[in-house]
Amino acid sequence: MAQEFVKAQIKGDKVVLFLKPSCPYCVLAKDVLSKYKFKQGHLEFIDISGRNDMSGIQDYLQQITGARTVPRVFIGEKCVGGGSDVAELDKEGKLEGMLQSIGALQ
């Protein structure tokens, strides 16, 4: 169930952030992504903290990304890492191009 949920969320041309609101790295990733003007429906924040399948989601994220922790940020179907990774991509000027490459920005 968790695997199907994650696969359905990261499919297509959107940016998906799996997060827990109390996590400072999740807040960092959300803040960085929130600076950009996304087309409607192309940015999704998914809070896994209250879900019954949270552990299953994290287990599956570990299988496909190598890390069980959140945040996990997907641009299209590719995981680009967590909060520090997204902040670094932004700082280096690479994040905008990645977002444009999937047609997520206005």
N, C-alpha and C. Protein backbone atom coordinates (compact mmCIF):
# COMPACT_ATOMS: atom_id res chain seq x y z
N MET A 1 0.82 -1.20 0.00
CA MET A 1 0.00 0.00 0.00
C MET A 1 0.86 1.26 0.00
N ALA A 2 1.85 1.33 0.89
CA ALA A 2 2.72 2.50 0.96
C ALA A 2 3.51 2.68 -0.33
N GLN A 3 3.97 1.55 -0.87
CA GLN A 3 4.74 1.60 -2.11
C GLN A 3 3.90 2.17 -3.25
N GLU A 4 2.67 1.73 -3.37
CA GLU A 4 1.79 2.22 -4.43
C GLU A 4 1.49 3.71 -4.23
N PHE A 5 1.31 4.12 -2.98
CA PHE A 5 1.05 5.53 -2.69
C PHE A 5 2.22 6.40 -3.15
N VAL A 6 3.44 6.01 -2.78
CA VAL A 6 4.62 6.79 -3.16
C VAL A 6 4.77 6.83 -4.67
N LYS A 7 4.64 5.68 -5.33
CA LYS A 7 4.76 5.62 -6.79
C LYS A 7 3.75 6.54 -7.46
N ALA A 8 2.52 6.56 -6.96
CA ALA A 8 1.48 7.40 -7.55
C ALA A 8 1.80 8.88 -7.36
N GLN A 9 2.43 9.23 -6.25
CA GLN A 9 2.72 10.63 -5.97
C GLN A 9 3.87 11.17 -6.82
N ILE A 10 4.89 10.36 -7.05
CA ILE A 10 6.09 10.86 -7.75
C ILE A 10 6.01 10.67 -9.27
N LYS A 11 4.88 10.23 -9.75
CA LYS A 11 4.70 10.02 -11.18
C LYS A 11 4.44 11.36 -11.86
N GLY A 12 5.08 11.59 -12.99
CA GLY A 12 4.76 12.76 -13.78
C GLY A 12 5.72 13.92 -13.63
N ASP A 13 5.18 15.10 -13.90
CA ASP A 13 6.00 16.30 -14.02
C ASP A 13 5.79 17.26 -12.86
N LYS A 14 5.85 16.74 -11.64
CA LYS A 14 5.67 17.61 -10.49
C LYS A 14 6.79 17.40 -9.49
N VAL A 15 6.84 18.30 -8.54
CA VAL A 15 7.81 18.21 -7.45
C VAL A 15 7.05 17.76 -6.21
N VAL A 16 7.58 16.74 -5.55
CA VAL A 16 6.94 16.18 -4.37
C VAL A 16 7.94 16.19 -3.22
N LEU A 17 7.48 16.70 -2.09
CA LEU A 17 8.28 16.74 -0.88
C LEU A 17 7.57 15.93 0.19
N PHE A 18 8.19 14.81 0.57
CA PHE A 18 7.68 14.01 1.69
C PHE A 18 8.31 14.60 2.94
N LEU A 19 7.47 14.93 3.94
CA LEU A 19 7.98 15.66 5.08
C LEU A 19 7.25 15.32 6.38
N LYS A 20 7.87 15.80 7.46
CA LYS A 20 7.24 15.84 8.79
C LYS A 20 7.39 17.29 9.25
N PRO A 21 6.30 17.95 9.64
CA PRO A 21 6.33 19.38 9.94
C PRO A 21 7.31 19.78 11.05
N SER A 22 7.62 18.88 11.95
CA SER A 22 8.50 19.21 13.07
C SER A 22 9.99 19.10 12.71
N CYS A 23 10.29 18.63 11.53
CA CYS A 23 11.68 18.41 11.10
C CYS A 23 12.26 19.70 10.51
N PRO A 24 13.37 20.20 11.07
CA PRO A 24 13.96 21.45 10.54
C PRO A 24 14.44 21.33 9.10
N TYR A 25 14.91 20.16 8.68
CA TYR A 25 15.34 19.99 7.29
C TYR A 25 14.16 19.98 6.33
N CYS A 26 13.02 19.50 6.82
CA CYS A 26 11.79 19.53 6.02
C CYS A 26 11.35 20.98 5.82
N VAL A 27 11.43 21.76 6.89
CA VAL A 27 11.08 23.19 6.81
C VAL A 27 12.02 23.90 5.84
N LEU A 28 13.31 23.57 5.89
CA LEU A 28 14.28 24.16 4.97
C LEU A 28 13.92 23.84 3.52
N ALA A 29 13.64 22.57 3.24
CA ALA A 29 13.29 22.17 1.87
C ALA A 29 12.02 22.88 1.41
N LYS A 30 11.03 22.95 2.29
CA LYS A 30 9.76 23.61 1.95
C LYS A 30 9.98 25.09 1.68
N ASP A 31 10.81 25.74 2.50
CA ASP A 31 11.10 27.17 2.31
C ASP A 31 11.80 27.42 0.98
N VAL A 32 12.77 26.58 0.65
CA VAL A 32 13.51 26.75 -0.62
C VAL A 32 12.55 26.59 -1.79
N LEU A 33 11.76 25.54 -1.78
CA LEU A 33 10.83 25.29 -2.90
C LEU A 33 9.76 26.36 -2.99
N SER A 34 9.35 26.90 -1.87
CA SER A 34 8.29 27.92 -1.85
C SER A 34 8.71 29.24 -2.49
N LYS A 35 10.00 29.42 -2.73
CA LYS A 35 10.48 30.65 -3.39
C LYS A 35 10.13 30.69 -4.86
N TYR A 36 9.86 29.53 -5.44
CA TYR A 36 9.61 29.43 -6.88
C TYR A 36 8.12 29.51 -7.19
N LYS A 37 7.81 30.00 -8.38
CA LYS A 37 6.42 30.10 -8.82
C LYS A 37 6.08 28.87 -9.65
N PHE A 38 5.40 27.93 -9.01
CA PHE A 38 5.02 26.69 -9.66
C PHE A 38 3.68 26.83 -10.36
N LYS A 39 3.54 26.11 -11.44
CA LYS A 39 2.22 25.97 -12.06
C LYS A 39 1.34 25.23 -11.07
N GLN A 40 0.05 25.51 -11.11
CA GLN A 40 -0.87 24.85 -10.21
C GLN A 40 -0.79 23.33 -10.38
N GLY A 41 -0.69 22.63 -9.25
CA GLY A 41 -0.64 21.18 -9.27
C GLY A 41 0.73 20.59 -9.49
N HIS A 42 1.77 21.43 -9.58
CA HIS A 42 3.11 20.92 -9.87
C HIS A 42 4.03 20.91 -8.64
N LEU A 43 3.51 21.27 -7.47
CA LEU A 43 4.27 21.20 -6.23
C LEU A 43 3.36 20.61 -5.17
N GLU A 44 3.85 19.55 -4.53
CA GLU A 44 3.03 18.90 -3.51
C GLU A 44 3.86 18.60 -2.28
N PHE A 45 3.35 19.05 -1.14
CA PHE A 45 3.96 18.74 0.15
C PHE A 45 3.13 17.63 0.79
N ILE A 46 3.77 16.52 1.12
CA ILE A 46 3.05 15.39 1.69
C ILE A 46 3.57 15.14 3.11
N ASP A 47 2.72 15.47 4.07
CA ASP A 47 3.04 15.26 5.49
C ASP A 47 2.75 13.79 5.82
N ILE A 48 3.79 13.05 6.13
CA ILE A 48 3.60 11.62 6.43
C ILE A 48 3.46 11.36 7.93
N SER A 49 3.61 12.39 8.75
CA SER A 49 3.70 12.20 10.20
C SER A 49 2.47 11.57 10.84
N GLY A 50 1.27 11.83 10.32
CA GLY A 50 0.08 11.30 10.94
C GLY A 50 -0.52 10.10 10.22
N ARG A 51 0.21 9.58 9.24
CA ARG A 51 -0.35 8.50 8.42
C ARG A 51 -0.12 7.13 9.07
N ASN A 52 -1.09 6.25 8.91
CA ASN A 52 -0.96 4.88 9.42
C ASN A 52 0.16 4.12 8.72
N ASP A 53 0.45 4.50 7.48
CA ASP A 53 1.47 3.80 6.71
C ASP A 53 2.81 4.55 6.68
N MET A 54 3.02 5.44 7.66
CA MET A 54 4.24 6.25 7.69
C MET A 54 5.50 5.38 7.64
N SER A 55 5.56 4.36 8.45
CA SER A 55 6.73 3.49 8.49
C SER A 55 6.94 2.80 7.15
N GLY A 56 5.85 2.34 6.53
CA GLY A 56 5.94 1.70 5.23
C GLY A 56 6.43 2.66 4.16
N ILE A 57 5.96 3.91 4.23
CA ILE A 57 6.42 4.94 3.28
C ILE A 57 7.92 5.15 3.44
N GLN A 58 8.37 5.28 4.68
CA GLN A 58 9.79 5.50 4.92
C GLN A 58 10.63 4.29 4.50
N ASP A 59 10.10 3.09 4.72
CA ASP A 59 10.80 1.88 4.27
C ASP A 59 10.96 1.89 2.76
N TYR A 60 9.89 2.26 2.05
CA TYR A 60 9.96 2.28 0.59
C TYR A 60 10.88 3.40 0.10
N LEU A 61 10.83 4.56 0.75
CA LEU A 61 11.74 5.66 0.37
C LEU A 61 13.19 5.21 0.53
N GLN A 62 13.46 4.43 1.57
CA GLN A 62 14.83 3.93 1.75
C GLN A 62 15.21 3.00 0.59
N GLN A 63 14.28 2.15 0.17
CA GLN A 63 14.55 1.24 -0.95
C GLN A 63 14.92 2.00 -2.22
N ILE A 64 14.18 3.08 -2.50
CA ILE A 64 14.37 3.75 -3.79
C ILE A 64 15.35 4.92 -3.75
N THR A 65 15.66 5.44 -2.53
CA THR A 65 16.56 6.60 -2.45
C THR A 65 17.81 6.35 -1.63
N GLY A 66 17.80 5.27 -0.85
CA GLY A 66 18.95 5.00 0.01
C GLY A 66 18.86 5.65 1.37
N ALA A 67 17.80 6.43 1.61
CA ALA A 67 17.62 7.08 2.90
C ALA A 67 16.18 6.94 3.36
N ARG A 68 16.03 6.64 4.63
CA ARG A 68 14.69 6.45 5.21
C ARG A 68 14.15 7.76 5.78
N THR A 69 15.04 8.69 6.00
CA THR A 69 14.67 9.95 6.64
C THR A 69 13.94 10.88 5.69
N VAL A 70 13.18 11.79 6.26
CA VAL A 70 12.58 12.87 5.49
C VAL A 70 13.33 14.14 5.85
N PRO A 71 13.33 15.12 4.97
CA PRO A 71 12.58 15.17 3.73
C PRO A 71 13.23 14.34 2.63
N ARG A 72 12.39 13.92 1.72
CA ARG A 72 12.81 13.33 0.45
C ARG A 72 12.14 14.17 -0.62
N VAL A 73 12.93 14.76 -1.47
CA VAL A 73 12.42 15.66 -2.51
C VAL A 73 12.58 15.00 -3.87
N PHE A 74 11.47 14.91 -4.58
CA PHE A 74 11.47 14.33 -5.92
C PHE A 74 11.15 15.41 -6.93
N ILE A 75 11.96 15.49 -7.96
CA ILE A 75 11.67 16.36 -9.10
C ILE A 75 11.37 15.40 -10.24
N GLY A 76 10.09 15.34 -10.59
CA GLY A 76 9.66 14.28 -11.48
C GLY A 76 9.79 12.98 -10.71
N GLU A 77 10.39 11.98 -11.30
CA GLU A 77 10.54 10.69 -10.62
C GLU A 77 11.92 10.53 -10.01
N LYS A 78 12.73 11.59 -10.04
CA LYS A 78 14.10 11.53 -9.53
C LYS A 78 14.19 12.17 -8.15
N CYS A 79 14.75 11.44 -7.21
CA CYS A 79 14.98 12.00 -5.88
C CYS A 79 16.26 12.83 -5.92
N VAL A 80 16.16 14.08 -5.47
CA VAL A 80 17.33 14.95 -5.44
C VAL A 80 17.89 15.07 -4.02
N GLY A 81 17.29 14.36 -3.08
CA GLY A 81 17.83 14.34 -1.73
C GLY A 81 16.90 14.97 -0.71
N GLY A 82 17.52 15.60 0.29
CA GLY A 82 16.78 16.20 1.39
C GLY A 82 16.91 17.70 1.43
N GLY A 83 16.70 18.27 2.60
CA GLY A 83 16.69 19.72 2.76
C GLY A 83 18.00 20.40 2.39
N SER A 84 19.10 19.87 2.91
CA SER A 84 20.41 20.46 2.61
C SER A 84 20.74 20.34 1.13
N ASP A 85 20.34 19.23 0.54
CA ASP A 85 20.62 19.01 -0.90
C ASP A 85 19.86 20.02 -1.76
N VAL A 86 18.60 20.25 -1.43
CA VAL A 86 17.78 21.20 -2.19
C VAL A 86 18.32 22.62 -2.00
N ALA A 87 18.70 22.95 -0.78
CA ALA A 87 19.27 24.28 -0.51
C ALA A 87 20.56 24.49 -1.30
N GLU A 88 21.38 23.46 -1.38
CA GLU A 88 22.64 23.55 -2.13
C GLU A 88 22.38 23.69 -3.63
N LEU A 89 21.44 22.92 -4.16
CA LEU A 89 21.08 23.05 -5.58
C LEU A 89 20.59 24.45 -5.89
N ASP A 90 19.81 25.02 -4.97
CA ASP A 90 19.31 26.39 -5.13
C ASP A 90 20.47 27.38 -5.11
N LYS A 91 21.35 27.23 -4.14
CA LYS A 91 22.50 28.14 -3.98
C LYS A 91 23.40 28.11 -5.21
N GLU A 92 23.56 26.92 -5.78
CA GLU A 92 24.42 26.76 -6.96
C GLU A 92 23.72 27.19 -8.26
N GLY A 93 22.43 27.53 -8.17
CA GLY A 93 21.69 27.96 -9.36
C GLY A 93 21.22 26.80 -10.23
N LYS A 94 21.27 25.58 -9.72
CA LYS A 94 20.89 24.41 -10.51
C LYS A 94 19.42 24.03 -10.35
N LEU A 95 18.82 24.40 -9.22
CA LEU A 95 17.46 23.96 -8.92
C LEU A 95 16.45 24.50 -9.93
N GLU A 96 16.55 25.77 -10.26
CA GLU A 96 15.59 26.37 -11.19
C GLU A 96 15.58 25.64 -12.52
N GLY A 97 16.75 25.33 -13.05
CA GLY A 97 16.84 24.60 -14.32
C GLY A 97 16.20 23.22 -14.23
N MET A 98 16.38 22.56 -13.08
CA MET A 98 15.78 21.24 -12.90
C MET A 98 14.26 21.36 -12.88
N LEU A 99 13.75 22.39 -12.23
CA LEU A 99 12.31 22.61 -12.16
C LEU A 99 11.74 22.96 -13.53
N GLN A 100 12.49 23.76 -14.28
CA GLN A 100 12.05 24.13 -15.62
C GLN A 100 12.08 22.93 -16.57
N SER A 101 13.02 22.03 -16.35
CA SER A 101 13.17 20.88 -17.26
C SER A 101 11.96 19.95 -17.23
N ILE A 102 11.20 19.97 -16.14
CA ILE A 102 9.98 19.14 -16.09
C ILE A 102 8.74 19.98 -16.32
N GLY A 103 8.91 21.27 -16.61
CA GLY A 103 7.78 22.13 -16.91
C GLY A 103 6.94 22.50 -15.69
N ALA A 104 7.58 22.53 -14.52
CA ALA A 104 6.83 22.79 -13.28
C ALA A 104 6.64 24.27 -12.97
N LEU A 105 7.46 25.12 -13.57
CA LEU A 105 7.40 26.55 -13.22
C LEU A 105 6.52 27.34 -14.19
N GLN A 106 5.98 28.43 -13.66
CA GLN A 106 5.15 29.33 -14.47
C GLN A 106 6.01 30.08 -15.47
